[in-house]
Amino acid sequence: MLKGFVGAVEFVQKIVPTAEAMDHHPDVRIFSYKRVEISISTHSAGGLTEKDFELARKIDGAAP
């Protein structure tokens, strides 16, 4: 669990450089002030690709 709204925003900011470096940008939603929902897919492929799984692994590594 993240530590409040600031913790949620800090987590999102932490994953931005990875998404930018991969040129693969997830959909991100902050809700209930301290929860973050991340949705990853390759829209041009119409679903999931290895790039999605790679980004997910990197985001998991950044999680508190």
PDB file of N, CA and C in Angstrom:
ATOM      1  N   MET A   1       0.852  -1.186   0.000  1.00  0.00           N
ATOM      2  CA  MET A   1       0.000   0.000   0.000  1.00  0.00           C
ATOM      3  C   MET A   1       0.887   1.234   0.000  1.00  0.00           C
ATOM      4  N   LEU A   2       0.505   2.212  -0.755  1.00  0.00           N
ATOM      5  CA  LEU A   2       1.254   3.454  -0.832  1.00  0.00           C
ATOM      6  C   LEU A   2       0.881   4.366   0.330  1.00  0.00           C
ATOM      7  N   LYS A   3       1.776   5.257   0.658  1.00  0.00           N
ATOM      8  CA  LYS A   3       1.566   6.161   1.792  1.00  0.00           C
ATOM      9  C   LYS A   3       0.864   7.430   1.336  1.00  0.00           C
ATOM     10  N   GLY A   4      -0.429   7.367   1.173  1.00  0.00           N
ATOM     11  CA  GLY A   4      -1.224   8.530   0.833  1.00  0.00           C
ATOM     12  C   GLY A   4      -1.066   8.992  -0.597  1.00  0.00           C
ATOM     13  N   PHE A   5      -1.655  10.140  -0.867  1.00  0.00           N
ATOM     14  CA  PHE A   5      -1.671  10.693  -2.218  1.00  0.00           C
ATOM     15  C   PHE A   5      -0.265  11.011  -2.718  1.00  0.00           C
ATOM     16  N   VAL A   6       0.553  11.593  -1.852  1.00  0.00           N
ATOM     17  CA  VAL A   6       1.917  11.941  -2.261  1.00  0.00           C
ATOM     18  C   VAL A   6       2.689  10.675  -2.638  1.00  0.00           C
ATOM     19  N   GLY A   7       2.533   9.611  -1.882  1.00  0.00           N
ATOM     20  CA  GLY A   7       3.195   8.349  -2.196  1.00  0.00           C
ATOM     21  C   GLY A   7       2.742   7.790  -3.541  1.00  0.00           C
ATOM     22  N   ALA A   8       1.450   7.915  -3.834  1.00  0.00           N
ATOM     23  CA  ALA A   8       0.919   7.437  -5.117  1.00  0.00           C
ATOM     24  C   ALA A   8       1.519   8.234  -6.273  1.00  0.00           C
ATOM     25  N   VAL A   9       1.572   9.544  -6.126  1.00  0.00           N
ATOM     26  CA  VAL A   9       2.140  10.391  -7.171  1.00  0.00           C
ATOM     27  C   VAL A   9       3.635  10.108  -7.330  1.00  0.00           C
ATOM     28  N   GLU A  10       4.348   9.923  -6.220  1.00  0.00           N
ATOM     29  CA  GLU A  10       5.782   9.622  -6.288  1.00  0.00           C
ATOM     30  C   GLU A  10       6.028   8.295  -7.012  1.00  0.00           C
ATOM     31  N   PHE A  11       5.182   7.305  -6.776  1.00  0.00           N
ATOM     32  CA  PHE A  11       5.329   6.023  -7.463  1.00  0.00           C
ATOM     33  C   PHE A  11       5.140   6.206  -8.966  1.00  0.00           C
ATOM     34  N   VAL A  12       4.119   6.947  -9.360  1.00  0.00           N
ATOM     35  CA  VAL A  12       3.892   7.192 -10.786  1.00  0.00           C
ATOM     36  C   VAL A  12       5.097   7.914 -11.381  1.00  0.00           C
ATOM     37  N   GLN A  13       5.607   8.910 -10.685  1.00  0.00           N
ATOM     38  CA  GLN A  13       6.773   9.638 -11.187  1.00  0.00           C
ATOM     39  C   GLN A  13       7.987   8.719 -11.310  1.00  0.00           C
ATOM     40  N   LYS A  14       8.077   7.740 -10.445  1.00  0.00           N
ATOM     41  CA  LYS A  14       9.199   6.802 -10.465  1.00  0.00           C
ATOM     42  C   LYS A  14       9.195   5.925 -11.721  1.00  0.00           C
ATOM     43  N   ILE A  15       8.010   5.621 -12.253  1.00  0.00           N
ATOM     44  CA  ILE A  15       7.947   4.749 -13.433  1.00  0.00           C
ATOM     45  C   ILE A  15       7.995   5.519 -14.755  1.00  0.00           C
ATOM     46  N   VAL A  16       7.850   6.831 -14.701  1.00  0.00           N
ATOM     47  CA  VAL A  16       7.852   7.641 -15.928  1.00  0.00           C
ATOM     48  C   VAL A  16       9.144   7.469 -16.734  1.00  0.00           C
ATOM     49  N   PRO A  17      10.333   7.544 -16.124  1.00  0.00           N
ATOM     50  CA  PRO A  17      11.552   7.403 -16.933  1.00  0.00           C
ATOM     51  C   PRO A  17      11.638   6.058 -17.668  1.00  0.00           C
ATOM     52  N   THR A  18      11.185   4.997 -17.033  1.00  0.00           N
ATOM     53  CA  THR A  18      11.199   3.678 -17.671  1.00  0.00           C
ATOM     54  C   THR A  18      10.263   3.652 -18.866  1.00  0.00           C
ATOM     55  N   ALA A  19       9.048   4.152 -18.686  1.00  0.00           N
ATOM     56  CA  ALA A  19       8.080   4.175 -19.789  1.00  0.00           C
ATOM     57  C   ALA A  19       8.591   5.044 -20.928  1.00  0.00           C
ATOM     58  N   GLU A  20       9.184   6.169 -20.606  1.00  0.00           N
ATOM     59  CA  GLU A  20       9.724   7.056 -21.638  1.00  0.00           C
ATOM     60  C   GLU A  20      10.877   6.385 -22.378  1.00  0.00           C
ATOM     61  N   ALA A  21      11.778   5.749 -21.641  1.00  0.00           N
ATOM     62  CA  ALA A  21      12.935   5.101 -22.265  1.00  0.00           C
ATOM     63  C   ALA A  21      12.500   3.979 -23.211  1.00  0.00           C
ATOM     64  N   MET A  22      11.411   3.293 -22.850  1.00  0.00           N
ATOM     65  CA  MET A  22      10.903   2.211 -23.686  1.00  0.00           C
ATOM     66  C   MET A  22       9.974   2.722 -24.784  1.00  0.00           C
ATOM     67  N   ASP A  23       9.600   3.998 -24.715  1.00  0.00           N
ATOM     68  CA  ASP A  23       8.590   4.572 -25.614  1.00  0.00           C
ATOM     69  C   ASP A  23       7.330   3.706 -25.595  1.00  0.00           C
ATOM     70  N   HIS A  24       6.934   3.354 -24.363  1.00  0.00           N
ATOM     71  CA  HIS A  24       5.776   2.480 -24.159  1.00  0.00           C
ATOM     72  C   HIS A  24       5.051   2.994 -22.922  1.00  0.00           C
ATOM     73  N   HIS A  25       3.917   3.608 -23.114  1.00  0.00           N
ATOM     74  CA  HIS A  25       3.277   4.384 -22.060  1.00  0.00           C
ATOM     75  C   HIS A  25       1.993   3.720 -21.573  1.00  0.00           C
ATOM     76  N   PRO A  26       1.954   3.347 -20.307  1.00  0.00           N
ATOM     77  CA  PRO A  26       0.764   2.708 -19.757  1.00  0.00           C
ATOM     78  C   PRO A  26      -0.324   3.733 -19.444  1.00  0.00           C
ATOM     79  N   ASP A  27      -1.533   3.239 -19.282  1.00  0.00           N
ATOM     80  CA  ASP A  27      -2.616   4.065 -18.748  1.00  0.00           C
ATOM     81  C   ASP A  27      -2.490   4.000 -17.230  1.00  0.00           C
ATOM     82  N   VAL A  28      -2.535   5.160 -16.583  1.00  0.00           N
ATOM     83  CA  VAL A  28      -2.334   5.237 -15.142  1.00  0.00           C
ATOM     84  C   VAL A  28      -3.508   5.963 -14.505  1.00  0.00           C
ATOM     85  N   ARG A  29      -3.970   5.425 -13.387  1.00  0.00           N
ATOM     86  CA  ARG A  29      -5.075   6.058 -12.660  1.00  0.00           C
ATOM     87  C   ARG A  29      -4.748   6.044 -11.178  1.00  0.00           C
ATOM     88  N   ILE A  30      -4.828   7.206 -10.541  1.00  0.00           N
ATOM     89  CA  ILE A  30      -4.713   7.304  -9.087  1.00  0.00           C
ATOM     90  C   ILE A  30      -6.126   7.443  -8.548  1.00  0.00           C
ATOM     91  N   PHE A  31      -6.486   6.581  -7.607  1.00  0.00           N
ATOM     92  CA  PHE A  31      -7.839   6.627  -7.044  1.00  0.00           C
ATOM     93  C   PHE A  31      -7.794   6.315  -5.562  1.00  0.00           C
ATOM     94  N   SER A  32      -8.862   6.622  -4.870  1.00  0.00           N
ATOM     95  CA  SER A  32      -8.941   6.437  -3.412  1.00  0.00           C
ATOM     96  C   SER A  32      -7.716   7.042  -2.731  1.00  0.00           C
ATOM     97  N   TYR A  33      -7.215   8.089  -3.263  1.00  0.00           N
ATOM     98  CA  TYR A  33      -6.108   8.942  -2.846  1.00  0.00           C
ATOM     99  C   TYR A  33      -4.771   8.248  -2.652  1.00  0.00           C
ATOM    100  N   LYS A  34      -4.722   6.924  -2.539  1.00  0.00           N
ATOM    101  CA  LYS A  34      -3.429   6.271  -2.349  1.00  0.00           C
ATOM    102  C   LYS A  34      -3.300   4.952  -3.110  1.00  0.00           C
ATOM    103  N   ARG A  35      -4.129   4.774  -4.115  1.00  0.00           N
ATOM    104  CA  ARG A  35      -4.062   3.570  -4.931  1.00  0.00           C
ATOM    105  C   ARG A  35      -3.729   3.959  -6.368  1.00  0.00           C
ATOM    106  N   VAL A  36      -2.918   3.121  -7.003  1.00  0.00           N
ATOM    107  CA  VAL A  36      -2.532   3.361  -8.391  1.00  0.00           C
ATOM    108  C   VAL A  36      -2.914   2.137  -9.209  1.00  0.00           C
ATOM    109  N   GLU A  37      -3.612   2.363 -10.301  1.00  0.00           N
ATOM    110  CA  GLU A  37      -3.967   1.298 -11.234  1.00  0.00           C
ATOM    111  C   GLU A  37      -3.212   1.565 -12.535  1.00  0.00           C
ATOM    112  N   ILE A  38      -2.526   0.541 -13.031  1.00  0.00           N
ATOM    113  CA  ILE A  38      -1.756   0.669 -14.262  1.00  0.00           C
ATOM    114  C   ILE A  38      -2.256  -0.367 -15.250  1.00  0.00           C
ATOM    115  N   SER A  39      -2.609   0.077 -16.441  1.00  0.00           N
ATOM    116  CA  SER A  39      -3.053  -0.820 -17.513  1.00  0.00           C
ATOM    117  C   SER A  39      -2.043  -0.739 -18.649  1.00  0.00           C
ATOM    118  N   ILE A  40      -1.570  -1.914 -19.073  1.00  0.00           N
ATOM    119  CA  ILE A  40      -0.557  -1.958 -20.120  1.00  0.00           C
ATOM    120  C   ILE A  40      -1.060  -2.825 -21.262  1.00  0.00           C
ATOM    121  N   SER A  41      -0.983  -2.292 -22.466  1.00  0.00           N
ATOM    122  CA  SER A  41      -1.269  -3.076 -23.669  1.00  0.00           C
ATOM    123  C   SER A  41      -0.643  -2.351 -24.848  1.00  0.00           C
ATOM    124  N   THR A  42      -0.509  -3.074 -25.940  1.00  0.00           N
ATOM    125  CA  THR A  42       0.011  -2.471 -27.161  1.00  0.00           C
ATOM    126  C   THR A  42      -1.175  -2.264 -28.082  1.00  0.00           C
ATOM    127  N   HIS A  43      -1.665  -1.044 -28.120  1.00  0.00           N
ATOM    128  CA  HIS A  43      -2.875  -0.738 -28.882  1.00  0.00           C
ATOM    129  C   HIS A  43      -2.720  -1.092 -30.364  1.00  0.00           C
ATOM    130  N   SER A  44      -1.527  -0.847 -30.914  1.00  0.00           N
ATOM    131  CA  SER A  44      -1.317  -1.126 -32.338  1.00  0.00           C
ATOM    132  C   SER A  44      -1.339  -2.623 -32.644  1.00  0.00           C
ATOM    133  N   ALA A  45      -1.088  -3.452 -31.618  1.00  0.00           N
ATOM    134  CA  ALA A  45      -1.118  -4.906 -31.810  1.00  0.00           C
ATOM    135  C   ALA A  45      -2.469  -5.489 -31.404  1.00  0.00           C
ATOM    136  N   GLY A  46      -3.307  -4.661 -30.811  1.00  0.00           N
ATOM    137  CA  GLY A  46      -4.630  -5.129 -30.390  1.00  0.00           C
ATOM    138  C   GLY A  46      -4.594  -6.034 -29.171  1.00  0.00           C
ATOM    139  N   GLY A  47      -3.570  -5.892 -28.361  1.00  0.00           N
ATOM    140  CA  GLY A  47      -3.489  -6.721 -27.156  1.00  0.00           C
ATOM    141  C   GLY A  47      -2.113  -6.660 -26.532  1.00  0.00           C
ATOM    142  N   LEU A  48      -1.706  -7.768 -25.928  1.00  0.00           N
ATOM    143  CA  LEU A  48      -0.446  -7.823 -25.206  1.00  0.00           C
ATOM    144  C   LEU A  48       0.694  -8.318 -26.087  1.00  0.00           C
ATOM    145  N   THR A  49       1.864  -7.719 -25.861  1.00  0.00           N
ATOM    146  CA  THR A  49       3.080  -8.154 -26.547  1.00  0.00           C
ATOM    147  C   THR A  49       4.171  -8.335 -25.496  1.00  0.00           C
ATOM    148  N   GLU A  50       5.306  -8.841 -25.908  1.00  0.00           N
ATOM    149  CA  GLU A  50       6.428  -9.014 -24.977  1.00  0.00           C
ATOM    150  C   GLU A  50       6.842  -7.678 -24.364  1.00  0.00           C
ATOM    151  N   LYS A  51       6.702  -6.599 -25.118  1.00  0.00           N
ATOM    152  CA  LYS A  51       7.047  -5.268 -24.594  1.00  0.00           C
ATOM    153  C   LYS A  51       6.177  -4.912 -23.384  1.00  0.00           C
ATOM    154  N   ASP A  52       4.925  -5.326 -23.397  1.00  0.00           N
ATOM    155  CA  ASP A  52       4.034  -5.074 -22.259  1.00  0.00           C
ATOM    156  C   ASP A  52       4.526  -5.810 -21.013  1.00  0.00           C
ATOM    157  N   PHE A  53       4.924  -7.060 -21.200  1.00  0.00           N
ATOM    158  CA  PHE A  53       5.408  -7.859 -20.072  1.00  0.00           C
ATOM    159  C   PHE A  53       6.728  -7.308 -19.535  1.00  0.00           C
ATOM    160  N   GLU A  54       7.579  -6.834 -20.439  1.00  0.00           N
ATOM    161  CA  GLU A  54       8.850  -6.229 -20.013  1.00  0.00           C
ATOM    162  C   GLU A  54       8.592  -4.982 -19.169  1.00  0.00           C
ATOM    163  N   LEU A  55       7.682  -4.122 -19.620  1.00  0.00           N
ATOM    164  CA  LEU A  55       7.349  -2.922 -18.857  1.00  0.00           C
ATOM    165  C   LEU A  55       6.733  -3.304 -17.514  1.00  0.00           C
ATOM    166  N   ALA A  56       5.861  -4.280 -17.491  1.00  0.00           N
ATOM    167  CA  ALA A  56       5.242  -4.721 -16.242  1.00  0.00           C
ATOM    168  C   ALA A  56       6.298  -5.206 -15.245  1.00  0.00           C
ATOM    169  N   ARG A  57       7.279  -5.981 -15.729  1.00  0.00           N
ATOM    170  CA  ARG A  57       8.347  -6.452 -14.835  1.00  0.00           C
ATOM    171  C   ARG A  57       9.128  -5.280 -14.249  1.00  0.00           C
ATOM    172  N   LYS A  58       9.417  -4.288 -15.075  1.00  0.00           N
ATOM    173  CA  LYS A  58      10.158  -3.123 -14.599  1.00  0.00           C
ATOM    174  C   LYS A  58       9.345  -2.315 -13.593  1.00  0.00           C
ATOM    175  N   ILE A  59       8.045  -2.180 -13.837  1.00  0.00           N
ATOM    176  CA  ILE A  59       7.184  -1.456 -12.898  1.00  0.00           C
ATOM    177  C   ILE A  59       7.100  -2.229 -11.585  1.00  0.00           C
ATOM    178  N   ASP A  60       6.963  -3.553 -11.649  1.00  0.00           N
ATOM    179  CA  ASP A  60       6.952  -4.362 -10.432  1.00  0.00           C
ATOM    180  C   ASP A  60       8.219  -4.134  -9.614  1.00  0.00           C
ATOM    181  N   GLY A  61       9.343  -4.000 -10.299  1.00  0.00           N
ATOM    182  CA  GLY A  61      10.614  -3.751  -9.608  1.00  0.00           C
ATOM    183  C   GLY A  61      10.687  -2.395  -8.943  1.00  0.00           C
ATOM    184  N   ALA A  62       9.876  -1.458  -9.396  1.00  0.00           N
ATOM    185  CA  ALA A  62       9.863  -0.103  -8.825  1.00  0.00           C
ATOM    186  C   ALA A  62       8.847   0.032  -7.688  1.00  0.00           C
ATOM    187  N   ALA A  63       7.988  -0.965  -7.528  1.00  0.00           N
ATOM    188  CA  ALA A  63       6.922  -0.886  -6.520  1.00  0.00           C
ATOM    189  C   ALA A  63       7.504  -0.908  -5.110  1.00  0.00           C
ATOM    190  N   PRO A  64       6.873  -0.155  -4.213  1.00  0.00           N
ATOM    191  CA  PRO A  64       7.331  -0.136  -2.816  1.00  0.00           C
ATOM    192  C   PRO A  64       7.091  -1.462  -2.115  1.00  0.00           C
TER     193      PRO A  64
END
